[in-house]
Structure formats: structure tokens, C-alpha cells
């Protein structure tokens, strides 16, 4: 995840693989995985603040691309093709 930015996952990857999910995952499954990633970021805040910030940015981007609505998820999914 080190090369991830707020706008896209690491090269050769996608948000689904970052979350350990398939593109067929439901919005609820994505939300649970994002929550798990958020908790991971919080736990890292004390020992690795820069890594924690990076995970927070990834979490925000995933929420924007996959959880902000059906249309945004459809656009993201089309961008993978």
C-alpha cells in the first residue's frame, strides 16, 4: 500500500483487492472491510503515524469510489475494464 495515493490504488491493484474482496462484494461487505481498515489505521497512529495517515487516505478514497453510491461504484468498476 505504500505507493497508493488518495485517487487510486497501487499499480496493478484495485480497491477490491486492497480490501480482500471480489468486485461482486455487496455494499455491506465493503463497508465492513473499510471499517476494518479504519481500525487498522487507528491502531497504527501511535507507532507509525505516517502509515496511519496513508491508511486513512486509502479509506477515504475507497469510501468515495465504492460506498458513495451506485453511480460512483459503477464508474469505478468501468474504469477497471
PDB file of N, CA and C in Angstrom:
ATOM      1  N   UNK A   1       0.793  -1.185   0.000  1.00  0.00           N
ATOM      2  CA  UNK A   1       0.000   0.000   0.000  1.00  0.00           C
ATOM      3  C   UNK A   1       0.847   1.266   0.000  1.00  0.00           C
ATOM      4  N   UNK A   2       2.112   1.170   0.100  1.00  0.00           N
ATOM      5  CA  UNK A   2       2.952   2.336   0.190  1.00  0.00           C
ATOM      6  C   UNK A   2       2.843   3.274  -0.996  1.00  0.00           C
ATOM      7  N   UNK A   3       2.598   2.737  -2.193  1.00  0.00           N
ATOM      8  CA  UNK A   3       2.546   3.598  -3.362  1.00  0.00           C
ATOM      9  C   UNK A   3       1.139   4.108  -3.658  1.00  0.00           C
ATOM     10  N   UNK A   4       0.181   3.868  -2.769  1.00  0.00           N
ATOM     11  CA  UNK A   4      -1.175   4.317  -3.002  1.00  0.00           C
ATOM     12  C   UNK A   4      -1.285   5.806  -2.774  1.00  0.00           C
ATOM     13  N   UNK A   5      -2.181   6.400  -3.520  1.00  0.00           N
ATOM     14  CA  UNK A   5      -2.495   7.803  -3.316  1.00  0.00           C
ATOM     15  C   UNK A   5      -3.973   7.912  -3.006  1.00  0.00           C
ATOM     16  N   UNK A   6      -4.406   9.108  -2.744  1.00  0.00           N
ATOM     17  CA  UNK A   6      -5.804   9.318  -2.426  1.00  0.00           C
ATOM     18  C   UNK A   6      -6.697   9.019  -3.621  1.00  0.00           C
ATOM     19  N   UNK A   7      -6.162   9.039  -4.827  1.00  0.00           N
ATOM     20  CA  UNK A   7      -7.002   8.892  -6.008  1.00  0.00           C
ATOM     21  C   UNK A   7      -7.002   7.501  -6.613  1.00  0.00           C
ATOM     22  N   UNK A   8      -6.037   6.678  -6.303  1.00  0.00           N
ATOM     23  CA  UNK A   8      -6.007   5.357  -6.932  1.00  0.00           C
ATOM     24  C   UNK A   8      -5.207   4.367  -6.096  1.00  0.00           C
ATOM     25  N   UNK A   9      -5.516   3.076  -6.268  1.00  0.00           N
ATOM     26  CA  UNK A   9      -4.737   2.052  -5.560  1.00  0.00           C
ATOM     27  C   UNK A   9      -3.380   1.867  -6.220  1.00  0.00           C
ATOM     28  N   UNK A  10      -2.570   1.026  -5.624  1.00  0.00           N
ATOM     29  CA  UNK A  10      -1.242   0.737  -6.167  1.00  0.00           C
ATOM     30  C   UNK A  10      -1.360   0.205  -7.591  1.00  0.00           C
ATOM     31  N   UNK A  11      -0.367   0.462  -8.421  1.00  0.00           N
ATOM     32  CA  UNK A  11      -0.401  -0.073  -9.783  1.00  0.00           C
ATOM     33  C   UNK A  11      -0.610  -1.583  -9.785  1.00  0.00           C
ATOM     34  N   UNK A  12      -1.470  -2.048 -10.697  1.00  0.00           N
ATOM     35  CA  UNK A  12      -1.747  -3.478 -10.793  1.00  0.00           C
ATOM     36  C   UNK A  12      -2.718  -3.972  -9.743  1.00  0.00           C
ATOM     37  N   UNK A  13      -3.311  -3.056  -9.007  1.00  0.00           N
ATOM     38  CA  UNK A  13      -4.222  -3.417  -7.935  1.00  0.00           C
ATOM     39  C   UNK A  13      -5.520  -2.632  -8.118  1.00  0.00           C
ATOM     40  N   UNK A  14      -6.478  -2.879  -7.283  1.00  0.00           N
ATOM     41  CA  UNK A  14      -7.706  -2.097  -7.257  1.00  0.00           C
ATOM     42  C   UNK A  14      -8.212  -2.091  -5.818  1.00  0.00           C
ATOM     43  N   UNK A  15      -9.218  -1.241  -5.573  1.00  0.00           N
ATOM     44  CA  UNK A  15      -9.723  -1.142  -4.196  1.00  0.00           C
ATOM     45  C   UNK A  15     -10.280  -2.452  -3.684  1.00  0.00           C
ATOM     46  N   UNK A  16     -10.867  -3.254  -4.555  1.00  0.00           N
ATOM     47  CA  UNK A  16     -11.398  -4.544  -4.107  1.00  0.00           C
ATOM     48  C   UNK A  16     -10.283  -5.428  -3.561  1.00  0.00           C
ATOM     49  N   UNK A  17      -9.163  -5.494  -4.283  1.00  0.00           N
ATOM     50  CA  UNK A  17      -8.066  -6.343  -3.805  1.00  0.00           C
ATOM     51  C   UNK A  17      -7.433  -5.766  -2.542  1.00  0.00           C
ATOM     52  N   UNK A  18      -7.395  -4.450  -2.422  1.00  0.00           N
ATOM     53  CA  UNK A  18      -6.888  -3.826  -1.198  1.00  0.00           C
ATOM     54  C   UNK A  18      -7.721  -4.276  -0.002  1.00  0.00           C
ATOM     55  N   UNK A  19      -9.031  -4.402  -0.228  1.00  0.00           N
ATOM     56  CA  UNK A  19      -9.941  -4.821   0.843  1.00  0.00           C
ATOM     57  C   UNK A  19     -10.035  -6.328   0.991  1.00  0.00           C
ATOM     58  N   UNK A  20      -9.445  -7.071   0.058  1.00  0.00           N
ATOM     59  CA  UNK A  20      -9.527  -8.525   0.103  1.00  0.00           C
ATOM     60  C   UNK A  20     -10.890  -9.035  -0.321  1.00  0.00           C
ATOM     61  N   UNK A  21     -11.556  -8.304  -1.213  1.00  0.00           N
ATOM     62  CA  UNK A  21     -12.893  -8.649  -1.665  1.00  0.00           C
ATOM     63  C   UNK A  21     -12.929  -8.820  -3.183  1.00  0.00           C
ATOM     64  N   UNK A  22     -13.996  -9.432  -3.668  1.00  0.00           N
ATOM     65  CA  UNK A  22     -14.192  -9.517  -5.110  1.00  0.00           C
ATOM     66  C   UNK A  22     -15.061  -8.340  -5.541  1.00  0.00           C
ATOM     67  N   UNK A  23     -15.049  -7.997  -6.829  1.00  0.00           N
ATOM     68  CA  UNK A  23     -15.915  -6.927  -7.313  1.00  0.00           C
ATOM     69  C   UNK A  23     -17.402  -7.215  -7.116  1.00  0.00           C
ATOM     70  N   UNK A  24     -17.746  -8.450  -6.866  1.00  0.00           N
ATOM     71  CA  UNK A  24     -19.149  -8.812  -6.622  1.00  0.00           C
ATOM     72  C   UNK A  24     -19.565  -8.567  -5.169  1.00  0.00           C
ATOM     73  N   UNK A  25     -18.663  -8.077  -4.348  1.00  0.00           N
ATOM     74  CA  UNK A  25     -18.969  -7.847  -2.933  1.00  0.00           C
ATOM     75  C   UNK A  25     -20.123  -6.864  -2.779  1.00  0.00           C
ATOM     76  N   UNK A  26     -20.924  -7.100  -1.775  1.00  0.00           N
ATOM     77  CA  UNK A  26     -22.046  -6.196  -1.500  1.00  0.00           C
ATOM     78  C   UNK A  26     -21.522  -4.926  -0.827  1.00  0.00           C
ATOM     79  N   UNK A  27     -22.368  -3.908  -0.831  1.00  0.00           N
ATOM     80  CA  UNK A  27     -22.001  -2.653  -0.162  1.00  0.00           C
ATOM     81  C   UNK A  27     -21.743  -2.901   1.323  1.00  0.00           C
ATOM     82  N   UNK A  28     -22.501  -3.805   1.929  1.00  0.00           N
ATOM     83  CA  UNK A  28     -22.296  -4.125   3.348  1.00  0.00           C
ATOM     84  C   UNK A  28     -20.933  -4.776   3.570  1.00  0.00           C
ATOM     85  N   UNK A  29     -20.548  -5.696   2.691  1.00  0.00           N
ATOM     86  CA  UNK A  29     -19.234  -6.344   2.818  1.00  0.00           C
ATOM     87  C   UNK A  29     -18.117  -5.322   2.656  1.00  0.00           C
ATOM     88  N   UNK A  30     -18.285  -4.401   1.717  1.00  0.00           N
ATOM     89  CA  UNK A  30     -17.281  -3.354   1.516  1.00  0.00           C
ATOM     90  C   UNK A  30     -17.195  -2.472   2.751  1.00  0.00           C
ATOM     91  N   UNK A  31     -18.343  -2.090   3.300  1.00  0.00           N
ATOM     92  CA  UNK A  31     -18.362  -1.242   4.491  1.00  0.00           C
ATOM     93  C   UNK A  31     -17.650  -1.905   5.664  1.00  0.00           C
ATOM     94  N   UNK A  32     -17.856  -3.200   5.853  1.00  0.00           N
ATOM     95  CA  UNK A  32     -17.191  -3.930   6.941  1.00  0.00           C
ATOM     96  C   UNK A  32     -15.672  -3.942   6.712  1.00  0.00           C
ATOM     97  N   UNK A  33     -15.261  -4.183   5.483  1.00  0.00           N
ATOM     98  CA  UNK A  33     -13.828  -4.219   5.184  1.00  0.00           C
ATOM     99  C   UNK A  33     -13.191  -2.840   5.356  1.00  0.00           C
ATOM    100  N   UNK A  34     -13.912  -1.788   4.977  1.00  0.00           N
ATOM    101  CA  UNK A  34     -13.405  -0.422   5.157  1.00  0.00           C
ATOM    102  C   UNK A  34     -13.284  -0.110   6.644  1.00  0.00           C
ATOM    103  N   UNK A  35     -14.251  -0.535   7.425  1.00  0.00           N
ATOM    104  CA  UNK A  35     -14.192  -0.325   8.872  1.00  0.00           C
ATOM    105  C   UNK A  35     -12.978  -1.032   9.474  1.00  0.00           C
ATOM    106  N   UNK A  36     -12.712  -2.241   8.997  1.00  0.00           N
ATOM    107  CA  UNK A  36     -11.544  -2.987   9.469  1.00  0.00           C
ATOM    108  C   UNK A  36     -10.252  -2.211   9.122  1.00  0.00           C
ATOM    109  N   UNK A  37     -10.185  -1.658   7.920  1.00  0.00           N
ATOM    110  CA  UNK A  37      -9.029  -0.876   7.503  1.00  0.00           C
ATOM    111  C   UNK A  37      -8.895   0.385   8.355  1.00  0.00           C
ATOM    112  N   UNK A  38     -10.013   0.996   8.685  1.00  0.00           N
ATOM    113  CA  UNK A  38     -10.000   2.192   9.533  1.00  0.00           C
ATOM    114  C   UNK A  38      -9.464   1.880  10.930  1.00  0.00           C
ATOM    115  N   UNK A  39      -9.900   0.748  11.479  1.00  0.00           N
ATOM    116  CA  UNK A  39      -9.394   0.348  12.810  1.00  0.00           C
ATOM    117  C   UNK A  39      -7.894   0.095  12.757  1.00  0.00           C
ATOM    118  N   UNK A  40      -7.444  -0.502  11.651  1.00  0.00           N
ATOM    119  CA  UNK A  40      -6.019  -0.756  11.469  1.00  0.00           C
ATOM    120  C   UNK A  40      -5.255   0.575  11.459  1.00  0.00           C
ATOM    121  N   UNK A  41      -5.788   1.570  10.775  1.00  0.00           N
ATOM    122  CA  UNK A  41      -5.153   2.890  10.713  1.00  0.00           C
ATOM    123  C   UNK A  41      -5.077   3.517  12.098  1.00  0.00           C
ATOM    124  N   UNK A  42      -6.150   3.384  12.873  1.00  0.00           N
ATOM    125  CA  UNK A  42      -6.158   3.946  14.224  1.00  0.00           C
ATOM    126  C   UNK A  42      -5.124   3.265  15.113  1.00  0.00           C
ATOM    127  N   UNK A  43      -5.001   1.962  14.974  1.00  0.00           N
ATOM    128  CA  UNK A  43      -4.032   1.221  15.786  1.00  0.00           C
ATOM    129  C   UNK A  43      -2.605   1.616  15.438  1.00  0.00           C
ATOM    130  N   UNK A  44      -2.364   1.975  14.190  1.00  0.00           N
ATOM    131  CA  UNK A  44      -1.022   2.357  13.758  1.00  0.00           C
ATOM    132  C   UNK A  44      -0.659   3.789  14.141  1.00  0.00           C
ATOM    133  N   UNK A  45      -1.641   4.581  14.510  1.00  0.00           N
ATOM    134  CA  UNK A  45      -1.408   6.003  14.760  1.00  0.00           C
ATOM    135  C   UNK A  45      -0.303   6.253  15.788  1.00  0.00           C
ATOM    136  N   UNK A  46      -0.213   5.409  16.785  1.00  0.00           N
ATOM    137  CA  UNK A  46       0.778   5.601  17.841  1.00  0.00           C
ATOM    138  C   UNK A  46       2.177   5.201  17.385  1.00  0.00           C
ATOM    139  N   UNK A  47       2.296   4.073  16.705  1.00  0.00           N
ATOM    140  CA  UNK A  47       3.611   3.552  16.358  1.00  0.00           C
ATOM    141  C   UNK A  47       4.116   3.983  14.987  1.00  0.00           C
ATOM    142  N   UNK A  48       3.215   4.285  14.065  1.00  0.00           N
ATOM    143  CA  UNK A  48       3.630   4.662  12.707  1.00  0.00           C
ATOM    144  C   UNK A  48       2.662   5.708  12.154  1.00  0.00           C
ATOM    145  N   UNK A  49       2.793   6.950  12.612  1.00  0.00           N
ATOM    146  CA  UNK A  49       1.836   7.987  12.220  1.00  0.00           C
ATOM    147  C   UNK A  49       1.717   8.173  10.703  1.00  0.00           C
ATOM    148  N   UNK A  50       2.825   8.099   9.981  1.00  0.00           N
ATOM    149  CA  UNK A  50       2.771   8.290   8.528  1.00  0.00           C
ATOM    150  C   UNK A  50       2.004   7.145   7.854  1.00  0.00           C
ATOM    151  N   UNK A  51       2.160   5.951   8.337  1.00  0.00           N
ATOM    152  CA  UNK A  51       1.440   4.792   7.793  1.00  0.00           C
ATOM    153  C   UNK A  51      -0.049   4.897   8.125  1.00  0.00           C
ATOM    154  N   UNK A  52      -0.348   5.370   9.328  1.00  0.00           N
ATOM    155  CA  UNK A  52      -1.727   5.564   9.742  1.00  0.00           C
ATOM    156  C   UNK A  52      -2.418   6.585   8.834  1.00  0.00           C
ATOM    157  N   UNK A  53      -1.744   7.680   8.546  1.00  0.00           N
ATOM    158  CA  UNK A  53      -2.311   8.705   7.665  1.00  0.00           C
ATOM    159  C   UNK A  53      -2.556   8.131   6.272  1.00  0.00           C
ATOM    160  N   UNK A  54      -1.629   7.330   5.803  1.00  0.00           N
ATOM    161  CA  UNK A  54      -1.762   6.703   4.489  1.00  0.00           C
ATOM    162  C   UNK A  54      -2.999   5.798   4.444  1.00  0.00           C
ATOM    163  N   UNK A  55      -3.204   5.003   5.473  1.00  0.00           N
ATOM    164  CA  UNK A  55      -4.378   4.135   5.528  1.00  0.00           C
ATOM    165  C   UNK A  55      -5.670   4.943   5.612  1.00  0.00           C
ATOM    166  N   UNK A  56      -5.642   6.063   6.328  1.00  0.00           N
ATOM    167  CA  UNK A  56      -6.829   6.917   6.395  1.00  0.00           C
ATOM    168  C   UNK A  56      -7.179   7.466   5.021  1.00  0.00           C
ATOM    169  N   UNK A  57      -6.163   7.874   4.258  1.00  0.00           N
ATOM    170  CA  UNK A  57      -6.394   8.391   2.914  1.00  0.00           C
ATOM    171  C   UNK A  57      -6.975   7.305   2.003  1.00  0.00           C
ATOM    172  N   UNK A  58      -6.446   6.100   2.119  1.00  0.00           N
ATOM    173  CA  UNK A  58      -6.962   4.980   1.335  1.00  0.00           C
ATOM    174  C   UNK A  58      -8.423   4.721   1.709  1.00  0.00           C
ATOM    175  N   UNK A  59      -8.721   4.741   2.992  1.00  0.00           N
ATOM    176  CA  UNK A  59     -10.087   4.523   3.455  1.00  0.00           C
ATOM    177  C   UNK A  59     -11.033   5.566   2.872  1.00  0.00           C
ATOM    178  N   UNK A  60     -10.632   6.834   2.894  1.00  0.00           N
ATOM    179  CA  UNK A  60     -11.478   7.891   2.320  1.00  0.00           C
ATOM    180  C   UNK A  60     -11.693   7.673   0.830  1.00  0.00           C
ATOM    181  N   UNK A  61     -10.639   7.295   0.116  1.00  0.00           N
ATOM    182  CA  UNK A  61     -10.759   7.075  -1.327  1.00  0.00           C
ATOM    183  C   UNK A  61     -11.685   5.900  -1.634  1.00  0.00           C
ATOM    184  N   UNK A  62     -11.565   4.835  -0.869  1.00  0.00           N
ATOM    185  CA  UNK A  62     -12.431   3.677  -1.077  1.00  0.00           C
ATOM    186  C   UNK A  62     -13.887   4.072  -0.818  1.00  0.00           C
ATOM    187  N   UNK A  63     -14.120   4.786   0.249  1.00  0.00           N
ATOM    188  CA  UNK A  63     -15.488   5.224   0.547  1.00  0.00           C
ATOM    189  C   UNK A  63     -16.028   6.081  -0.594  1.00  0.00           C
ATOM    190  N   UNK A  64     -15.197   6.955  -1.129  1.00  0.00           N
ATOM    191  CA  UNK A  64     -15.624   7.816  -2.230  1.00  0.00           C
ATOM    192  C   UNK A  64     -15.938   6.988  -3.481  1.00  0.00           C
ATOM    193  N   UNK A  65     -15.070   6.052  -3.821  1.00  0.00           N
ATOM    194  CA  UNK A  65     -15.222   5.290  -5.059  1.00  0.00           C
ATOM    195  C   UNK A  65     -16.252   4.171  -4.973  1.00  0.00           C
ATOM    196  N   UNK A  66     -16.361   3.520  -3.835  1.00  0.00           N
ATOM    197  CA  UNK A  66     -17.204   2.330  -3.736  1.00  0.00           C
ATOM    198  C   UNK A  66     -18.448   2.491  -2.887  1.00  0.00           C
ATOM    199  N   UNK A  67     -18.430   3.399  -1.932  1.00  0.00           N
ATOM    200  CA  UNK A  67     -19.546   3.468  -0.991  1.00  0.00           C
ATOM    201  C   UNK A  67     -20.370   4.748  -1.089  1.00  0.00           C
ATOM    202  N   UNK A  68     -20.014   5.655  -1.990  1.00  0.00           N
ATOM    203  CA  UNK A  68     -20.752   6.917  -2.043  1.00  0.00           C
ATOM    204  C   UNK A  68     -22.006   6.825  -2.902  1.00  0.00           C
ATOM    205  N   UNK A  69     -22.255   5.665  -3.481  1.00  0.00           N
ATOM    206  CA  UNK A  69     -23.476   5.476  -4.255  1.00  0.00           C
ATOM    207  C   UNK A  69     -23.264   4.521  -5.407  1.00  0.00           C
ATOM    208  N   UNK A  70     -24.362   4.058  -5.936  1.00  0.00           N
ATOM    209  CA  UNK A  70     -24.290   3.088  -7.032  1.00  0.00           C
ATOM    210  C   UNK A  70     -23.601   3.662  -8.263  1.00  0.00           C
ATOM    211  N   UNK A  71     -23.867   4.915  -8.568  1.00  0.00           N
ATOM    212  CA  UNK A  71     -23.273   5.523  -9.769  1.00  0.00           C
ATOM    213  C   UNK A  71     -21.749   5.634  -9.652  1.00  0.00           C
ATOM    214  N   UNK A  72     -21.262   6.049  -8.492  1.00  0.00           N
ATOM    215  CA  UNK A  72     -19.808   6.165  -8.334  1.00  0.00           C
ATOM    216  C   UNK A  72     -19.149   4.787  -8.391  1.00  0.00           C
ATOM    217  N   UNK A  73     -19.799   3.788  -7.818  1.00  0.00           N
ATOM    218  CA  UNK A  73     -19.243   2.430  -7.879  1.00  0.00           C
ATOM    219  C   UNK A  73     -19.265   1.905  -9.317  1.00  0.00           C
ATOM    220  N   UNK A  74     -20.341   2.193 -10.056  1.00  0.00           N
ATOM    221  CA  UNK A  74     -20.422   1.764 -11.447  1.00  0.00           C
ATOM    222  C   UNK A  74     -19.298   2.399 -12.275  1.00  0.00           C
ATOM    223  N   UNK A  75     -19.073   3.706 -12.082  1.00  0.00           N
ATOM    224  CA  UNK A  75     -17.984   4.383 -12.795  1.00  0.00           C
ATOM    225  C   UNK A  75     -16.632   3.776 -12.438  1.00  0.00           C
ATOM    226  N   UNK A  76     -16.420   3.497 -11.144  1.00  0.00           N
ATOM    227  CA  UNK A  76     -15.158   2.894 -10.724  1.00  0.00           C
ATOM    228  C   UNK A  76     -14.990   1.526 -11.364  1.00  0.00           C
ATOM    229  N   UNK A  77     -16.028   0.709 -11.313  1.00  0.00           N
ATOM    230  CA  UNK A  77     -15.966  -0.634 -11.906  1.00  0.00           C
ATOM    231  C   UNK A  77     -15.673  -0.574 -13.403  1.00  0.00           C
ATOM    232  N   UNK A  78     -16.262   0.380 -14.090  1.00  0.00           N
ATOM    233  CA  UNK A  78     -15.991   0.532 -15.534  1.00  0.00           C
ATOM    234  C   UNK A  78     -14.545   0.939 -15.773  1.00  0.00           C
ATOM    235  N   UNK A  79     -13.979   1.712 -14.869  1.00  0.00           N
ATOM    236  CA  UNK A  79     -12.585   2.150 -15.048  1.00  0.00           C
ATOM    237  C   UNK A  79     -11.608   0.970 -14.942  1.00  0.00           C
ATOM    238  N   UNK A  80     -12.055  -0.119 -14.338  1.00  0.00           N
ATOM    239  CA  UNK A  80     -11.188  -1.300 -14.187  1.00  0.00           C
ATOM    240  C   UNK A  80     -11.125  -2.111 -15.466  1.00  0.00           C
ATOM    241  N   UNK A  81     -12.049  -1.915 -16.358  1.00  0.00           N
ATOM    242  CA  UNK A  81     -12.107  -2.713 -17.597  1.00  0.00           C
ATOM    243  C   UNK A  81     -11.191  -2.183 -18.649  1.00  0.00           C
TER     244      UNK A  81
END
